[in-house]
Amino acid sequence: MKLALVTIGLLAIGFAGIAIKIWAKKNGEFAGTCASQNPFLNKDGQACGFCGKLPEEQDCKKDTVTDTP
Protein backbone atom coordinates (compact mmCIF):
# COMPACT_ATOMS: atom_id res chain seq x y z
CA MET A 1 0.00 0.00 0.00
CA LYS A 2 2.83 2.36 0.86
CA LEU A 3 4.49 1.70 -2.51
CA ALA A 4 1.25 2.48 -4.34
CA LEU A 5 0.91 5.81 -2.53
CA VAL A 6 4.53 6.75 -3.29
CA THR A 7 4.03 5.81 -6.95
CA ILE A 8 0.82 7.84 -7.24
CA GLY A 9 2.52 10.78 -5.52
CA LEU A 10 5.48 10.72 -7.91
CA LEU A 11 3.18 10.48 -10.93
CA ALA A 12 1.16 13.43 -9.61
CA ILE A 13 4.33 15.50 -9.21
CA GLY A 14 5.35 14.61 -12.78
CA PHE A 15 1.97 15.57 -14.22
CA ALA A 16 1.98 18.81 -12.23
CA GLY A 17 5.44 19.66 -13.55
CA ILE A 18 4.36 19.11 -17.15
CA ALA A 19 1.19 21.13 -16.59
CA ILE A 20 3.18 24.02 -15.11
CA LYS A 21 5.59 23.94 -18.05
CA ILE A 22 2.72 24.05 -20.56
CA TRP A 23 1.01 26.84 -18.62
CA ALA A 24 4.19 28.91 -18.34
CA LYS A 25 5.23 28.57 -22.00
CA LYS A 26 3.88 31.00 -24.58
CA ASN A 27 0.93 29.40 -26.43
CA GLY A 28 1.37 26.28 -24.29
CA GLU A 29 3.78 24.59 -26.70
CA PHE A 30 6.91 22.60 -26.10
CA ALA A 31 10.02 23.60 -28.03
CA GLY A 32 11.63 21.04 -30.29
CA THR A 33 8.81 18.57 -30.66
CA CYS A 34 9.83 17.25 -34.08
CA ALA A 35 10.94 13.62 -33.95
CA SER A 36 13.58 14.43 -36.55
CA GLN A 37 15.62 16.17 -33.83
CA ASN A 38 16.09 12.90 -31.96
CA PRO A 39 19.07 10.95 -33.37
CA PHE A 40 17.80 7.72 -31.76
CA LEU A 41 14.48 7.89 -33.63
CA ASN A 42 15.82 9.25 -36.91
CA LYS A 43 19.01 7.42 -37.81
CA ASP A 44 18.51 7.82 -41.57
CA GLY A 45 18.18 11.63 -41.59
CA GLN A 46 14.60 11.57 -42.86
CA ALA A 47 12.35 14.62 -42.79
CA CYS A 48 9.69 15.10 -40.11
CA GLY A 49 6.39 13.48 -41.12
CA PHE A 50 4.36 16.42 -39.79
CA CYS A 51 6.20 19.52 -40.94
CA GLY A 52 8.85 18.27 -43.40
CA LYS A 53 11.77 19.61 -41.34
CA LEU A 54 15.13 18.01 -41.96
CA PRO A 55 17.34 17.09 -38.95
CA GLU A 56 19.87 19.84 -39.72
CA GLU A 57 17.18 22.56 -39.68
CA GLN A 58 16.59 24.29 -36.34
CA ASP A 59 13.00 25.57 -36.40
CA CYS A 60 9.87 23.51 -36.91
CA LYS A 61 8.01 24.30 -40.12
CA LYS A 62 4.57 23.64 -38.64
CA ASP A 63 3.59 27.31 -39.03
CA THR A 64 3.98 26.98 -42.80
CA VAL A 65 2.07 23.68 -43.06
CA THR A 66 -1.42 24.13 -44.46
CA ASP A 67 -4.30 21.93 -43.40
CA THR A 68 -5.90 19.99 -46.22
CA PRO A 69 -9.56 18.99 -45.90
C-alpha atoms as a PDB file:
ATOM      1  CA  MET A   1       0.000   0.000   0.000  1.00  0.00           C
ATOM      2  CA  LYS A   2       2.832   2.364   0.861  1.00  0.00           C
ATOM      3  CA  LEU A   3       4.491   1.696  -2.513  1.00  0.00           C
ATOM      4  CA  ALA A   4       1.249   2.485  -4.344  1.00  0.00           C
ATOM      5  CA  LEU A   5       0.913   5.813  -2.533  1.00  0.00           C
ATOM      6  CA  VAL A   6       4.528   6.748  -3.288  1.00  0.00           C
ATOM      7  CA  THR A   7       4.025   5.806  -6.955  1.00  0.00           C
ATOM      8  CA  ILE A   8       0.819   7.837  -7.237  1.00  0.00           C
ATOM      9  CA  GLY A   9       2.518  10.780  -5.520  1.00  0.00           C
ATOM     10  CA  LEU A  10       5.481  10.722  -7.909  1.00  0.00           C
ATOM     11  CA  LEU A  11       3.181  10.485 -10.930  1.00  0.00           C
ATOM     12  CA  ALA A  12       1.163  13.434  -9.606  1.00  0.00           C
ATOM     13  CA  ILE A  13       4.334  15.500  -9.211  1.00  0.00           C
ATOM     14  CA  GLY A  14       5.354  14.614 -12.778  1.00  0.00           C
ATOM     15  CA  PHE A  15       1.974  15.573 -14.223  1.00  0.00           C
ATOM     16  CA  ALA A  16       1.982  18.808 -12.227  1.00  0.00           C
ATOM     17  CA  GLY A  17       5.442  19.657 -13.553  1.00  0.00           C
ATOM     18  CA  ILE A  18       4.360  19.108 -17.145  1.00  0.00           C
ATOM     19  CA  ALA A  19       1.186  21.132 -16.586  1.00  0.00           C
ATOM     20  CA  ILE A  20       3.175  24.024 -15.107  1.00  0.00           C
ATOM     21  CA  LYS A  21       5.591  23.940 -18.051  1.00  0.00           C
ATOM     22  CA  ILE A  22       2.724  24.054 -20.565  1.00  0.00           C
ATOM     23  CA  TRP A  23       1.007  26.838 -18.616  1.00  0.00           C
ATOM     24  CA  ALA A  24       4.187  28.906 -18.341  1.00  0.00           C
ATOM     25  CA  LYS A  25       5.230  28.573 -21.999  1.00  0.00           C
ATOM     26  CA  LYS A  26       3.879  30.996 -24.585  1.00  0.00           C
ATOM     27  CA  ASN A  27       0.927  29.396 -26.428  1.00  0.00           C
ATOM     28  CA  GLY A  28       1.374  26.277 -24.289  1.00  0.00           C
ATOM     29  CA  GLU A  29       3.784  24.592 -26.705  1.00  0.00           C
ATOM     30  CA  PHE A  30       6.910  22.596 -26.102  1.00  0.00           C
ATOM     31  CA  ALA A  31      10.021  23.596 -28.028  1.00  0.00           C
ATOM     32  CA  GLY A  32      11.633  21.043 -30.291  1.00  0.00           C
ATOM     33  CA  THR A  33       8.808  18.573 -30.658  1.00  0.00           C
ATOM     34  CA  CYS A  34       9.830  17.254 -34.076  1.00  0.00           C
ATOM     35  CA  ALA A  35      10.936  13.619 -33.945  1.00  0.00           C
ATOM     36  CA  SER A  36      13.576  14.429 -36.553  1.00  0.00           C
ATOM     37  CA  GLN A  37      15.616  16.168 -33.833  1.00  0.00           C
ATOM     38  CA  ASN A  38      16.090  12.896 -31.964  1.00  0.00           C
ATOM     39  CA  PRO A  39      19.071  10.952 -33.367  1.00  0.00           C
ATOM     40  CA  PHE A  40      17.797   7.725 -31.764  1.00  0.00           C
ATOM     41  CA  LEU A  41      14.475   7.892 -33.628  1.00  0.00           C
ATOM     42  CA  ASN A  42      15.820   9.253 -36.912  1.00  0.00           C
ATOM     43  CA  LYS A  43      19.010   7.419 -37.806  1.00  0.00           C
ATOM     44  CA  ASP A  44      18.508   7.815 -41.574  1.00  0.00           C
ATOM     45  CA  GLY A  45      18.184  11.625 -41.587  1.00  0.00           C
ATOM     46  CA  GLN A  46      14.601  11.569 -42.861  1.00  0.00           C
ATOM     47  CA  ALA A  47      12.346  14.617 -42.795  1.00  0.00           C
ATOM     48  CA  CYS A  48       9.691  15.102 -40.112  1.00  0.00           C
ATOM     49  CA  GLY A  49       6.394  13.482 -41.119  1.00  0.00           C
ATOM     50  CA  PHE A  50       4.362  16.420 -39.795  1.00  0.00           C
ATOM     51  CA  CYS A  51       6.197  19.524 -40.941  1.00  0.00           C
ATOM     52  CA  GLY A  52       8.849  18.271 -43.402  1.00  0.00           C
ATOM     53  CA  LYS A  53      11.768  19.607 -41.336  1.00  0.00           C
ATOM     54  CA  LEU A  54      15.131  18.009 -41.955  1.00  0.00           C
ATOM     55  CA  PRO A  55      17.337  17.093 -38.953  1.00  0.00           C
ATOM     56  CA  GLU A  56      19.869  19.842 -39.720  1.00  0.00           C
ATOM     57  CA  GLU A  57      17.176  22.556 -39.678  1.00  0.00           C
ATOM     58  CA  GLN A  58      16.587  24.292 -36.342  1.00  0.00           C
ATOM     59  CA  ASP A  59      13.003  25.572 -36.403  1.00  0.00           C
ATOM     60  CA  CYS A  60       9.869  23.512 -36.913  1.00  0.00           C
ATOM     61  CA  LYS A  61       8.006  24.300 -40.118  1.00  0.00           C
ATOM     62  CA  LYS A  62       4.568  23.640 -38.636  1.00  0.00           C
ATOM     63  CA  ASP A  63       3.594  27.307 -39.025  1.00  0.00           C
ATOM     64  CA  THR A  64       3.978  26.979 -42.796  1.00  0.00           C
ATOM     65  CA  VAL A  65       2.071  23.680 -43.055  1.00  0.00           C
ATOM     66  CA  THR A  66      -1.420  24.131 -44.455  1.00  0.00           C
ATOM     67  CA  ASP A  67      -4.303  21.927 -43.401  1.00  0.00           C
ATOM     68  CA  THR A  68      -5.902  19.990 -46.220  1.00  0.00           C
ATOM     69  CA  PRO A  69      -9.557  18.991 -45.904  1.00  0.00           C
END
